[in-house]
C-alpha atoms as a PDB file:
ATOM      1  CA  UNK A   1     -30.867 -65.048  19.144  1.00  0.00           C
ATOM      2  CA  UNK A   2     -29.632 -62.975  16.194  1.00  0.00           C
ATOM      3  CA  UNK A   3     -30.858 -63.886  12.720  1.00  0.00           C
ATOM      4  CA  UNK A   4     -30.226 -62.036   9.451  1.00  0.00           C
ATOM      5  CA  UNK A   5     -33.257 -63.216   7.516  1.00  0.00           C
ATOM      6  CA  UNK A   6     -32.569 -61.956   3.989  1.00  0.00           C
ATOM      7  CA  UNK A   7     -28.888 -61.003   3.727  1.00  0.00           C
ATOM      8  CA  UNK A   8     -26.575 -63.888   2.944  1.00  0.00           C
ATOM      9  CA  UNK A   9     -22.835 -63.833   2.276  1.00  0.00           C
ATOM     10  CA  UNK A  10     -22.544 -67.061   0.307  1.00  0.00           C
ATOM     11  CA  UNK A  11     -25.917 -68.584  -0.597  1.00  0.00           C
ATOM     12  CA  UNK A  12     -27.171 -67.730  -4.110  1.00  0.00           C
ATOM     13  CA  UNK A  13     -30.273 -65.571  -4.441  1.00  0.00           C
ATOM     14  CA  UNK A  14     -29.813 -63.781  -1.106  1.00  0.00           C
ATOM     15  CA  UNK A  15     -30.413 -60.048  -0.878  1.00  0.00           C
ATOM     16  CA  UNK A  16     -28.034 -57.278   0.092  1.00  0.00           C
ATOM     17  CA  UNK A  17     -24.916 -57.806  -2.080  1.00  0.00           C
ATOM     18  CA  UNK A  18     -26.059 -57.244  -5.654  1.00  0.00           C
ATOM     19  CA  UNK A  19     -22.558 -56.147  -6.670  1.00  0.00           C
ATOM     20  CA  UNK A  20     -21.492 -59.794  -6.190  1.00  0.00           C
ATOM     21  CA  UNK A  21     -22.501 -61.981  -9.177  1.00  0.00           C
ATOM     22  CA  UNK A  22     -22.953 -64.959  -6.837  1.00  0.00           C
ATOM     23  CA  UNK A  23     -25.830 -63.121  -5.165  1.00  0.00           C
ATOM     24  CA  UNK A  24     -27.904 -62.732  -8.303  1.00  0.00           C
ATOM     25  CA  UNK A  25     -30.865 -65.032  -8.643  1.00  0.00           C
ATOM     26  CA  UNK A  26     -34.353 -65.774  -7.390  1.00  0.00           C
ATOM     27  CA  UNK A  27     -34.851 -64.076  -4.015  1.00  0.00           C
ATOM     28  CA  UNK A  28     -38.014 -66.093  -3.339  1.00  0.00           C
ATOM     29  CA  UNK A  29     -36.003 -69.260  -3.824  1.00  0.00           C
ATOM     30  CA  UNK A  30     -33.610 -68.070  -1.117  1.00  0.00           C
ATOM     31  CA  UNK A  31     -36.501 -67.432   1.285  1.00  0.00           C
ATOM     32  CA  UNK A  32     -38.053 -70.859   0.682  1.00  0.00           C
ATOM     33  CA  UNK A  33     -34.925 -72.999   0.560  1.00  0.00           C
ATOM     34  CA  UNK A  34     -32.656 -71.270   3.082  1.00  0.00           C
ATOM     35  CA  UNK A  35     -34.200 -68.532   5.222  1.00  0.00           C
ATOM     36  CA  UNK A  36     -37.504 -70.004   6.398  1.00  0.00           C
ATOM     37  CA  UNK A  37     -36.106 -73.543   6.925  1.00  0.00           C
ATOM     38  CA  UNK A  38     -33.162 -72.128   8.880  1.00  0.00           C
ATOM     39  CA  UNK A  39     -35.459 -70.029  11.043  1.00  0.00           C
ATOM     40  CA  UNK A  40     -37.580 -73.133  11.695  1.00  0.00           C
ATOM     41  CA  UNK A  41     -34.457 -75.033  12.756  1.00  0.00           C
ATOM     42  CA  UNK A  42     -33.456 -72.258  15.173  1.00  0.00           C
ATOM     43  CA  UNK A  43     -36.914 -72.149  16.744  1.00  0.00           C
ATOM     44  CA  UNK A  44     -37.234 -75.933  17.007  1.00  0.00           C
ATOM     45  CA  UNK A  45     -33.786 -76.690  18.410  1.00  0.00           C
ATOM     46  CA  UNK A  46     -33.194 -73.697  20.664  1.00  0.00           C
ATOM     47  CA  UNK A  47     -36.593 -72.184  21.591  1.00  0.00           C
ATOM     48  CA  UNK A  48     -35.070 -68.672  21.861  1.00  0.00           C
ATOM     49  CA  UNK A  49     -36.635 -65.989  24.061  1.00  0.00           C
ATOM     50  CA  UNK A  50     -35.936 -63.427  21.310  1.00  0.00           C
ATOM     51  CA  UNK A  51     -35.461 -63.606  17.551  1.00  0.00           C
ATOM     52  CA  UNK A  52     -33.465 -60.467  16.817  1.00  0.00           C
ATOM     53  CA  UNK A  53     -34.053 -60.014  13.091  1.00  0.00           C
ATOM     54  CA  UNK A  54     -31.649 -57.788  11.152  1.00  0.00           C
ATOM     55  CA  UNK A  55     -30.870 -56.366   7.685  1.00  0.00           C
ATOM     56  CA  UNK A  56     -34.337 -56.800   6.120  1.00  0.00           C
ATOM     57  CA  UNK A  57     -33.240 -56.145   2.532  1.00  0.00           C
ATOM     58  CA  UNK A  58     -35.969 -56.553  -0.123  1.00  0.00           C
ATOM     59  CA  UNK A  59     -38.564 -57.151   2.607  1.00  0.00           C
ATOM     60  CA  UNK A  60     -42.206 -56.085   2.439  1.00  0.00           C
ATOM     61  CA  UNK A  61     -45.052 -56.471   4.919  1.00  0.00           C
ATOM     62  CA  UNK A  62     -46.184 -59.778   3.401  1.00  0.00           C
ATOM     63  CA  UNK A  63     -42.752 -61.363   3.891  1.00  0.00           C
ATOM     64  CA  UNK A  64     -42.488 -59.944   7.416  1.00  0.00           C
ATOM     65  CA  UNK A  65     -45.807 -61.653   8.222  1.00  0.00           C
ATOM     66  CA  UNK A  66     -44.414 -64.966   6.983  1.00  0.00           C
ATOM     67  CA  UNK A  67     -41.499 -64.715   9.407  1.00  0.00           C
ATOM     68  CA  UNK A  68     -43.768 -63.660  12.263  1.00  0.00           C
ATOM     69  CA  UNK A  69     -46.279 -66.438  11.610  1.00  0.00           C
ATOM     70  CA  UNK A  70     -43.534 -69.068  11.536  1.00  0.00           C
ATOM     71  CA  UNK A  71     -42.200 -67.828  14.869  1.00  0.00           C
ATOM     72  CA  UNK A  72     -45.650 -67.861  16.501  1.00  0.00           C
ATOM     73  CA  UNK A  73     -46.539 -71.300  15.114  1.00  0.00           C
ATOM     74  CA  UNK A  74     -43.492 -72.931  16.707  1.00  0.00           C
ATOM     75  CA  UNK A  75     -42.642 -70.709  19.682  1.00  0.00           C
ATOM     76  CA  UNK A  76     -45.557 -68.382  20.609  1.00  0.00           C
ATOM     77  CA  UNK A  77     -43.704 -66.763  23.519  1.00  0.00           C
ATOM     78  CA  UNK A  78     -40.647 -65.758  21.474  1.00  0.00           C
ATOM     79  CA  UNK A  79     -40.578 -62.004  20.952  1.00  0.00           C
ATOM     80  CA  UNK A  80     -39.452 -60.309  17.735  1.00  0.00           C
ATOM     81  CA  UNK A  81     -38.130 -56.875  16.834  1.00  0.00           C
ATOM     82  CA  UNK A  82     -39.055 -54.299  14.214  1.00  0.00           C
ATOM     83  CA  UNK A  83     -36.130 -55.269  11.970  1.00  0.00           C
ATOM     84  CA  UNK A  84     -38.276 -58.072  10.638  1.00  0.00           C
ATOM     85  CA  UNK A  85     -39.530 -55.316   8.302  1.00  0.00           C
ATOM     86  CA  UNK A  86     -37.638 -52.029   8.821  1.00  0.00           C
ATOM     87  CA  UNK A  87     -33.945 -51.238   9.133  1.00  0.00           C
ATOM     88  CA  UNK A  88     -32.908 -49.546  12.350  1.00  0.00           C
ATOM     89  CA  UNK A  89     -32.289 -46.218  10.613  1.00  0.00           C
ATOM     90  CA  UNK A  90     -35.899 -46.206   9.359  1.00  0.00           C
ATOM     91  CA  UNK A  91     -37.562 -46.616  12.755  1.00  0.00           C
ATOM     92  CA  UNK A  92     -37.460 -43.034  13.983  1.00  0.00           C
ATOM     93  CA  UNK A  93     -39.007 -41.732  10.758  1.00  0.00           C
ATOM     94  CA  UNK A  94     -41.930 -44.181  10.640  1.00  0.00           C
ATOM     95  CA  UNK A  95     -45.396 -42.731  10.142  1.00  0.00           C
ATOM     96  CA  UNK A  96     -48.253 -43.718  12.437  1.00  0.00           C
ATOM     97  CA  UNK A  97     -49.735 -46.028   9.798  1.00  0.00           C
ATOM     98  CA  UNK A  98     -46.386 -47.824   9.555  1.00  0.00           C
ATOM     99  CA  UNK A  99     -46.218 -48.211  13.323  1.00  0.00           C
ATOM    100  CA  UNK A 100     -49.774 -49.551  13.261  1.00  0.00           C
ATOM    101  CA  UNK A 101     -48.716 -52.015  10.564  1.00  0.00           C
ATOM    102  CA  UNK A 102     -45.938 -53.314  12.830  1.00  0.00           C
ATOM    103  CA  UNK A 103     -48.505 -53.840  15.572  1.00  0.00           C
ATOM    104  CA  UNK A 104     -50.758 -55.698  13.140  1.00  0.00           C
ATOM    105  CA  UNK A 105     -47.874 -57.900  11.992  1.00  0.00           C
ATOM    106  CA  UNK A 106     -47.118 -58.790  15.611  1.00  0.00           C
ATOM    107  CA  UNK A 107     -43.839 -56.990  16.288  1.00  0.00           C
ATOM    108  CA  UNK A 108     -43.040 -56.737  20.011  1.00  0.00           C
ATOM    109  CA  UNK A 109     -40.468 -53.947  20.229  1.00  0.00           C
ATOM    110  CA  UNK A 110     -38.708 -51.273  18.161  1.00  0.00           C
ATOM    111  CA  UNK A 111     -34.996 -51.614  17.372  1.00  0.00           C
ATOM    112  CA  UNK A 112     -33.455 -48.207  16.736  1.00  0.00           C
ATOM    113  CA  UNK A 113     -30.468 -47.533  14.533  1.00  0.00           C
ATOM    114  CA  UNK A 114     -27.155 -48.779  15.867  1.00  0.00           C
ATOM    115  CA  UNK A 115     -25.550 -46.374  18.365  1.00  0.00           C
ATOM    116  CA  UNK A 116     -28.589 -44.091  18.389  1.00  0.00           C
ATOM    117  CA  UNK A 117     -30.458 -43.074  21.538  1.00  0.00           C
ATOM    118  CA  UNK A 118     -33.694 -41.412  20.383  1.00  0.00           C
ATOM    119  CA  UNK A 119     -35.085 -38.322  22.119  1.00  0.00           C
ATOM    120  CA  UNK A 120     -38.237 -40.357  22.783  1.00  0.00           C
ATOM    121  CA  UNK A 121     -40.037 -43.393  21.416  1.00  0.00           C
ATOM    122  CA  UNK A 122     -43.643 -43.731  20.232  1.00  0.00           C
ATOM    123  CA  UNK A 123     -43.692 -47.288  21.616  1.00  0.00           C
ATOM    124  CA  UNK A 124     -43.447 -48.395  25.226  1.00  0.00           C
ATOM    125  CA  UNK A 125     -41.040 -51.208  24.307  1.00  0.00           C
ATOM    126  CA  UNK A 126     -37.874 -50.240  22.445  1.00  0.00           C
ATOM    127  CA  UNK A 127     -34.138 -50.779  22.484  1.00  0.00           C
ATOM    128  CA  UNK A 128     -30.916 -49.411  21.115  1.00  0.00           C
ATOM    129  CA  UNK A 129     -27.596 -51.185  20.617  1.00  0.00           C
ATOM    130  CA  UNK A 130     -24.170 -49.777  21.384  1.00  0.00           C
ATOM    131  CA  UNK A 131     -20.545 -50.817  20.976  1.00  0.00           C
ATOM    132  CA  UNK A 132     -17.743 -50.699  23.537  1.00  0.00           C
ATOM    133  CA  UNK A 133     -15.466 -49.012  20.991  1.00  0.00           C
ATOM    134  CA  UNK A 134     -16.091 -47.983  17.388  1.00  0.00           C
ATOM    135  CA  UNK A 135     -16.564 -51.416  15.833  1.00  0.00           C
ATOM    136  CA  UNK A 136     -19.042 -54.301  16.092  1.00  0.00           C
ATOM    137  CA  UNK A 137     -16.430 -56.961  15.403  1.00  0.00           C
ATOM    138  CA  UNK A 138     -12.847 -57.155  16.593  1.00  0.00           C
ATOM    139  CA  UNK A 139     -10.547 -54.415  15.305  1.00  0.00           C
ATOM    140  CA  UNK A 140      -6.974 -54.511  16.587  1.00  0.00           C
ATOM    141  CA  UNK A 141      -6.457 -50.855  15.616  1.00  0.00           C
ATOM    142  CA  UNK A 142      -9.553 -49.548  17.406  1.00  0.00           C
ATOM    143  CA  UNK A 143      -8.543 -48.617  20.947  1.00  0.00           C
ATOM    144  CA  UNK A 144     -11.186 -45.944  21.453  1.00  0.00           C
ATOM    145  CA  UNK A 145     -12.759 -47.839  24.353  1.00  0.00           C
ATOM    146  CA  UNK A 146     -15.670 -46.425  26.320  1.00  0.00           C
ATOM    147  CA  UNK A 147     -14.983 -45.799  29.973  1.00  0.00           C
ATOM    148  CA  UNK A 148     -17.157 -47.455  32.640  1.00  0.00           C
ATOM    149  CA  UNK A 149     -18.815 -44.078  33.232  1.00  0.00           C
ATOM    150  CA  UNK A 150     -19.676 -43.697  29.538  1.00  0.00           C
ATOM    151  CA  UNK A 151     -21.257 -47.160  29.503  1.00  0.00           C
ATOM    152  CA  UNK A 152     -23.275 -46.479  32.652  1.00  0.00           C
ATOM    153  CA  UNK A 153     -24.270 -43.034  31.375  1.00  0.00           C
ATOM    154  CA  UNK A 154     -25.641 -44.463  28.130  1.00  0.00           C
ATOM    155  CA  UNK A 155     -27.386 -47.283  29.998  1.00  0.00           C
ATOM    156  CA  UNK A 156     -28.969 -44.800  32.408  1.00  0.00           C
ATOM    157  CA  UNK A 157     -30.074 -42.478  29.601  1.00  0.00           C
ATOM    158  CA  UNK A 158     -31.815 -45.358  27.819  1.00  0.00           C
ATOM    159  CA  UNK A 159     -33.552 -46.493  31.019  1.00  0.00           C
ATOM    160  CA  UNK A 160     -34.537 -42.890  31.804  1.00  0.00           C
ATOM    161  CA  UNK A 161     -36.400 -42.847  28.477  1.00  0.00           C
ATOM    162  CA  UNK A 162     -38.066 -46.208  29.079  1.00  0.00           C
ATOM    163  CA  UNK A 163     -35.870 -48.305  26.763  1.00  0.00           C
ATOM    164  CA  UNK A 164     -33.572 -51.329  26.847  1.00  0.00           C
ATOM    165  CA  UNK A 165     -29.810 -51.188  26.362  1.00  0.00           C
ATOM    166  CA  UNK A 166     -28.046 -53.772  24.179  1.00  0.00           C
ATOM    167  CA  UNK A 167     -24.251 -53.644  24.524  1.00  0.00           C
ATOM    168  CA  UNK A 168     -22.007 -55.325  21.958  1.00  0.00           C
ATOM    169  CA  UNK A 169     -18.597 -56.893  22.631  1.00  0.00           C
ATOM    170  CA  UNK A 170     -16.357 -57.903  19.714  1.00  0.00           C
ATOM    171  CA  UNK A 171     -14.152 -60.928  20.547  1.00  0.00           C
ATOM    172  CA  UNK A 172     -10.942 -61.856  18.740  1.00  0.00           C
ATOM    173  CA  UNK A 173     -10.812 -64.703  16.208  1.00  0.00           C
ATOM    174  CA  UNK A 174      -9.980 -66.991  19.144  1.00  0.00           C
ATOM    175  CA  UNK A 175     -13.066 -65.926  21.059  1.00  0.00           C
ATOM    176  CA  UNK A 176     -11.155 -63.804  23.566  1.00  0.00           C
ATOM    177  CA  UNK A 177     -12.743 -60.595  24.886  1.00  0.00           C
ATOM    178  CA  UNK A 178     -10.120 -57.799  24.710  1.00  0.00           C
ATOM    179  CA  UNK A 179      -8.779 -56.852  28.116  1.00  0.00           C
ATOM    180  CA  UNK A 180      -9.878 -53.169  27.966  1.00  0.00           C
ATOM    181  CA  UNK A 181     -13.437 -54.366  27.353  1.00  0.00           C
ATOM    182  CA  UNK A 182     -13.177 -56.820  30.242  1.00  0.00           C
ATOM    183  CA  UNK A 183     -12.059 -54.096  32.653  1.00  0.00           C
ATOM    184  CA  UNK A 184     -14.816 -51.711  31.554  1.00  0.00           C
ATOM    185  CA  UNK A 185     -17.464 -54.416  31.936  1.00  0.00           C
ATOM    186  CA  UNK A 186     -16.150 -55.452  35.364  1.00  0.00           C
ATOM    187  CA  UNK A 187     -16.244 -51.889  36.684  1.00  0.00           C
ATOM    188  CA  UNK A 188     -19.673 -51.238  35.195  1.00  0.00           C
ATOM    189  CA  UNK A 189     -20.867 -54.540  36.688  1.00  0.00           C
ATOM    190  CA  UNK A 190     -19.541 -53.605  40.125  1.00  0.00           C
ATOM    191  CA  UNK A 191     -21.467 -50.327  39.926  1.00  0.00           C
ATOM    192  CA  UNK A 192     -24.634 -52.200  38.939  1.00  0.00           C
ATOM    193  CA  UNK A 193     -24.335 -54.531  41.918  1.00  0.00           C
ATOM    194  CA  UNK A 194     -24.590 -51.543  44.237  1.00  0.00           C
ATOM    195  CA  UNK A 195     -27.138 -49.524  42.254  1.00  0.00           C
ATOM    196  CA  UNK A 196     -29.191 -52.299  40.652  1.00  0.00           C
ATOM    197  CA  UNK A 197     -32.611 -51.075  41.792  1.00  0.00           C
ATOM    198  CA  UNK A 198     -32.121 -47.779  39.942  1.00  0.00           C
ATOM    199  CA  UNK A 199     -31.698 -49.662  36.637  1.00  0.00           C
ATOM    200  CA  UNK A 200     -33.300 -53.116  36.630  1.00  0.00           C
ATOM    201  CA  UNK A 201     -37.066 -52.765  36.492  1.00  0.00           C
ATOM    202  CA  UNK A 202     -36.780 -48.970  36.619  1.00  0.00           C
ATOM    203  CA  UNK A 203     -38.594 -46.763  34.120  1.00  0.00           C
ATOM    204  CA  UNK A 204     -38.560 -43.334  32.566  1.00  0.00           C
ATOM    205  CA  UNK A 205     -39.482 -40.151  34.409  1.00  0.00           C
ATOM    206  CA  UNK A 206     -40.549 -36.603  33.592  1.00  0.00           C
ATOM    207  CA  UNK A 207     -37.020 -35.379  34.345  1.00  0.00           C
ATOM    208  CA  UNK A 208     -34.855 -35.158  31.221  1.00  0.00           C
ATOM    209  CA  UNK A 209     -31.580 -34.657  33.045  1.00  0.00           C
ATOM    210  CA  UNK A 210     -28.947 -32.025  32.328  1.00  0.00           C
ATOM    211  CA  UNK A 211     -25.807 -32.172  30.244  1.00  0.00           C
ATOM    212  CA  UNK A 212     -23.732 -30.685  27.460  1.00  0.00           C
ATOM    213  CA  UNK A 213     -23.658 -31.998  23.907  1.00  0.00           C
ATOM    214  CA  UNK A 214     -20.517 -33.902  22.967  1.00  0.00           C
ATOM    215  CA  UNK A 215     -18.721 -32.513  19.941  1.00  0.00           C
ATOM    216  CA  UNK A 216     -16.838 -34.946  17.696  1.00  0.00           C
ATOM    217  CA  UNK A 217     -14.722 -34.190  14.652  1.00  0.00           C
ATOM    218  CA  UNK A 218     -15.979 -34.573  11.106  1.00  0.00           C
ATOM    219  CA  UNK A 219     -13.440 -37.372  10.587  1.00  0.00           C
ATOM    220  CA  UNK A 220     -14.730 -39.305  13.599  1.00  0.00           C
ATOM    221  CA  UNK A 221     -18.315 -38.792  12.442  1.00  0.00           C
ATOM    222  CA  UNK A 222     -17.406 -40.066   8.977  1.00  0.00           C
ATOM    223  CA  UNK A 223     -15.723 -43.133  10.483  1.00  0.00           C
ATOM    224  CA  UNK A 224     -18.816 -43.925  12.571  1.00  0.00           C
ATOM    225  CA  UNK A 225     -21.080 -43.603   9.553  1.00  0.00           C
ATOM    226  CA  UNK A 226     -18.778 -45.805   7.471  1.00  0.00           C
ATOM    227  CA  UNK A 227     -18.876 -48.491  10.163  1.00  0.00           C
ATOM    228  CA  UNK A 228     -22.652 -48.213  10.375  1.00  0.00           C
ATOM    229  CA  UNK A 229     -23.057 -48.666   6.630  1.00  0.00           C
ATOM    230  CA  UNK A 230     -20.713 -51.670   6.653  1.00  0.00           C
ATOM    231  CA  UNK A 231     -22.859 -53.425   9.256  1.00  0.00           C
ATOM    232  CA  UNK A 232     -26.162 -52.701   7.551  1.00  0.00           C
ATOM    233  CA  UNK A 233     -27.317 -49.920   9.853  1.00  0.00           C
ATOM    234  CA  UNK A 234     -27.920 -47.537   6.956  1.00  0.00           C
ATOM    235  CA  UNK A 235     -27.433 -43.792   6.789  1.00  0.00           C
ATOM    236  CA  UNK A 236     -28.517 -41.666   9.721  1.00  0.00           C
ATOM    237  CA  UNK A 237     -31.808 -39.864   9.176  1.00  0.00           C
ATOM    238  CA  UNK A 238     -31.134 -37.375  11.950  1.00  0.00           C
ATOM    239  CA  UNK A 239     -27.929 -36.018  13.364  1.00  0.00           C
ATOM    240  CA  UNK A 240     -28.342 -37.222  16.927  1.00  0.00           C
ATOM    241  CA  UNK A 241     -25.783 -35.868  19.332  1.00  0.00           C
ATOM    242  CA  UNK A 242     -24.739 -37.620  22.499  1.00  0.00           C
ATOM    243  CA  UNK A 243     -24.680 -35.675  25.753  1.00  0.00           C
ATOM    244  CA  UNK A 244     -22.169 -35.667  28.569  1.00  0.00           C
ATOM    245  CA  UNK A 245     -24.690 -35.665  31.408  1.00  0.00           C
ATOM    246  CA  UNK A 246     -24.275 -34.001  34.770  1.00  0.00           C
ATOM    247  CA  UNK A 247     -27.271 -36.000  36.023  1.00  0.00           C
ATOM    248  CA  UNK A 248     -30.116 -38.227  34.869  1.00  0.00           C
ATOM    249  CA  UNK A 249     -33.198 -39.607  36.595  1.00  0.00           C
ATOM    250  CA  UNK A 250     -34.870 -43.020  36.604  1.00  0.00           C
ATOM    251  CA  UNK A 251     -37.814 -44.138  38.693  1.00  0.00           C
ATOM    252  CA  UNK A 252     -40.246 -46.752  39.872  1.00  0.00           C
ATOM    253  CA  UNK A 253     -43.446 -46.661  41.927  1.00  0.00           C
ATOM    254  CA  UNK A 254     -42.791 -44.523  45.001  1.00  0.00           C
ATOM    255  CA  UNK A 255     -39.140 -43.799  44.209  1.00  0.00           C
ATOM    256  CA  UNK A 256     -37.045 -41.450  42.074  1.00  0.00           C
ATOM    257  CA  UNK A 257     -33.346 -42.091  41.450  1.00  0.00           C
ATOM    258  CA  UNK A 258     -30.988 -39.211  40.686  1.00  0.00           C
ATOM    259  CA  UNK A 259     -27.824 -40.377  38.929  1.00  0.00           C
ATOM    260  CA  UNK A 260     -25.094 -37.807  39.567  1.00  0.00           C
ATOM    261  CA  UNK A 261     -22.245 -38.104  37.056  1.00  0.00           C
ATOM    262  CA  UNK A 262     -20.724 -34.728  37.873  1.00  0.00           C
ATOM    263  CA  UNK A 263     -20.611 -33.800  41.523  1.00  0.00           C
ATOM    264  CA  UNK A 264     -22.151 -30.366  42.157  1.00  0.00           C
ATOM    265  CA  UNK A 265     -20.187 -27.842  44.174  1.00  0.00           C
ATOM    266  CA  UNK A 266     -23.422 -26.297  45.476  1.00  0.00           C
ATOM    267  CA  UNK A 267     -26.628 -27.865  46.823  1.00  0.00           C
ATOM    268  CA  UNK A 268     -28.525 -29.739  44.107  1.00  0.00           C
ATOM    269  CA  UNK A 269     -31.678 -27.817  43.162  1.00  0.00           C
ATOM    270  CA  UNK A 270     -34.433 -29.485  41.114  1.00  0.00           C
ATOM    271  CA  UNK A 271     -37.709 -28.042  39.915  1.00  0.00           C
ATOM    272  CA  UNK A 272     -40.831 -30.051  39.084  1.00  0.00           C
ATOM    273  CA  UNK A 273     -41.995 -31.462  42.419  1.00  0.00           C
ATOM    274  CA  UNK A 274     -45.372 -29.699  42.515  1.00  0.00           C
ATOM    275  CA  UNK A 275     -47.268 -33.001  42.695  1.00  0.00           C
ATOM    276  CA  UNK A 276     -44.705 -35.072  44.570  1.00  0.00           C
ATOM    277  CA  UNK A 277     -43.727 -34.909  48.230  1.00  0.00           C
ATOM    278  CA  UNK A 278     -40.307 -36.356  49.085  1.00  0.00           C
ATOM    279  CA  UNK A 279     -40.352 -38.151  52.430  1.00  0.00           C
ATOM    280  CA  UNK A 280     -36.793 -39.458  52.540  1.00  0.00           C
ATOM    281  CA  UNK A 281     -33.498 -39.195  50.651  1.00  0.00           C
ATOM    282  CA  UNK A 282     -30.391 -41.402  50.836  1.00  0.00           C
ATOM    283  CA  UNK A 283     -27.543 -42.784  48.751  1.00  0.00           C
ATOM    284  CA  UNK A 284     -27.965 -46.272  47.303  1.00  0.00           C
ATOM    285  CA  UNK A 285     -24.271 -46.847  48.025  1.00  0.00           C
ATOM    286  CA  UNK A 286     -24.926 -46.185  51.723  1.00  0.00           C
ATOM    287  CA  UNK A 287     -25.891 -49.513  53.298  1.00  0.00           C
ATOM    288  CA  UNK A 288     -27.155 -47.669  56.404  1.00  0.00           C
ATOM    289  CA  UNK A 289     -29.587 -45.563  54.328  1.00  0.00           C
ATOM    290  CA  UNK A 290     -28.674 -42.480  56.354  1.00  0.00           C
ATOM    291  CA  UNK A 291     -30.944 -39.533  55.612  1.00  0.00           C
ATOM    292  CA  UNK A 292     -29.698 -36.753  53.360  1.00  0.00           C
ATOM    293  CA  UNK A 293     -30.883 -33.296  54.339  1.00  0.00           C
ATOM    294  CA  UNK A 294     -33.291 -31.676  51.902  1.00  0.00           C
ATOM    295  CA  UNK A 295     -35.845 -28.882  51.624  1.00  0.00           C
ATOM    296  CA  UNK A 296     -38.972 -28.832  49.506  1.00  0.00           C
ATOM    297  CA  UNK A 297     -40.964 -25.685  48.848  1.00  0.00           C
ATOM    298  CA  UNK A 298     -43.079 -24.481  45.941  1.00  0.00           C
ATOM    299  CA  UNK A 299     -42.259 -27.446  43.749  1.00  0.00           C
ATOM    300  CA  UNK A 300     -38.499 -26.931  44.208  1.00  0.00           C
ATOM    301  CA  UNK A 301     -36.333 -29.549  45.909  1.00  0.00           C
ATOM    302  CA  UNK A 302     -32.963 -28.599  47.418  1.00  0.00           C
ATOM    303  CA  UNK A 303     -30.604 -31.412  48.441  1.00  0.00           C
ATOM    304  CA  UNK A 304     -27.546 -30.816  50.619  1.00  0.00           C
ATOM    305  CA  UNK A 305     -24.758 -33.097  49.460  1.00  0.00           C
ATOM    306  CA  UNK A 306     -21.368 -33.905  51.022  1.00  0.00           C
ATOM    307  CA  UNK A 307     -18.212 -32.445  49.529  1.00  0.00           C
ATOM    308  CA  UNK A 308     -17.239 -35.565  47.585  1.00  0.00           C
ATOM    309  CA  UNK A 309     -19.058 -38.154  45.508  1.00  0.00           C
ATOM    310  CA  UNK A 310     -19.414 -41.677  46.843  1.00  0.00           C
ATOM    311  CA  UNK A 311     -18.680 -43.250  43.450  1.00  0.00           C
ATOM    312  CA  UNK A 312     -16.535 -41.791  40.617  1.00  0.00           C
ATOM    313  CA  UNK A 313     -18.804 -43.390  37.979  1.00  0.00           C
ATOM    314  CA  UNK A 314     -22.158 -42.178  39.282  1.00  0.00           C
ATOM    315  CA  UNK A 315     -23.525 -41.579  42.750  1.00  0.00           C
ATOM    316  CA  UNK A 316     -27.227 -42.409  42.984  1.00  0.00           C
ATOM    317  CA  UNK A 317     -29.568 -40.528  45.322  1.00  0.00           C
ATOM    318  CA  UNK A 318     -32.811 -42.341  46.066  1.00  0.00           C
ATOM    319  CA  UNK A 319     -35.809 -40.141  46.797  1.00  0.00           C
ATOM    320  CA  UNK A 320     -38.755 -41.863  48.437  1.00  0.00           C
ATOM    321  CA  UNK A 321     -42.068 -40.257  47.478  1.00  0.00           C
ATOM    322  CA  UNK A 322     -45.286 -40.013  49.427  1.00  0.00           C
END
């Protein structure tokens, strides 16, 4: 469950909108009379699996501990994110002592800046949140919808780095999900039904994948940053650039999954198998699990693929390891 613990759009004394005279007042009064009681109500009535804190304006470690202690006193199994103390845009720049402080407070996972996939994370448990177009809420003029392949590519990249993918959908004022979003989600869902084992419960690997950086215009970059600031994400600390991947890899014990987004015209050649022996290869989309021909020598794996991909979104090759 989402909860913005310090930013309030109408209650006096809340943090985050100091340009509005109605927001001026005693911040501690807001915490004691609105924020903590409301959090207690949420925990008592709904027993959420997650409290997804956000926009921690005017928050210090002592206040973060108050929120954490209230959560644990009522619902010990509820997990909480790093935004109980730090904004998403601060996470990647945290020093080790700050990360240790989050551990001491009792934070369960890191929440990175909106629409940011980090190169790597210092914590095992982390997530990033993405939108289906350019906005978090509904915007009738925003028709820059992600394709099913873009959604699956971002999901796979996050899983390949050991993270969790949070995907936002902005409904209309009537609660209707826009049709382009519905179609993208349906197609992505159909792909997941076939290739579920390469995503759910899968983990990162030593293979970073291959792809080209996506170039966007300065105007588009400015629009993304403006949207991020409007939703409390803050300014970007680093200029992360998204890649258009040819392939990515996820894995689990005894298996490696190669996600092929661009079908190679030649045999697929991968280096880095010095300590792994591949015993079998097949497509997850092939219900018969028919063997794919491959050669392994000197740490190099060569896979002979058919002329065409099995799935236009991503064809997944499963490699079983000795």
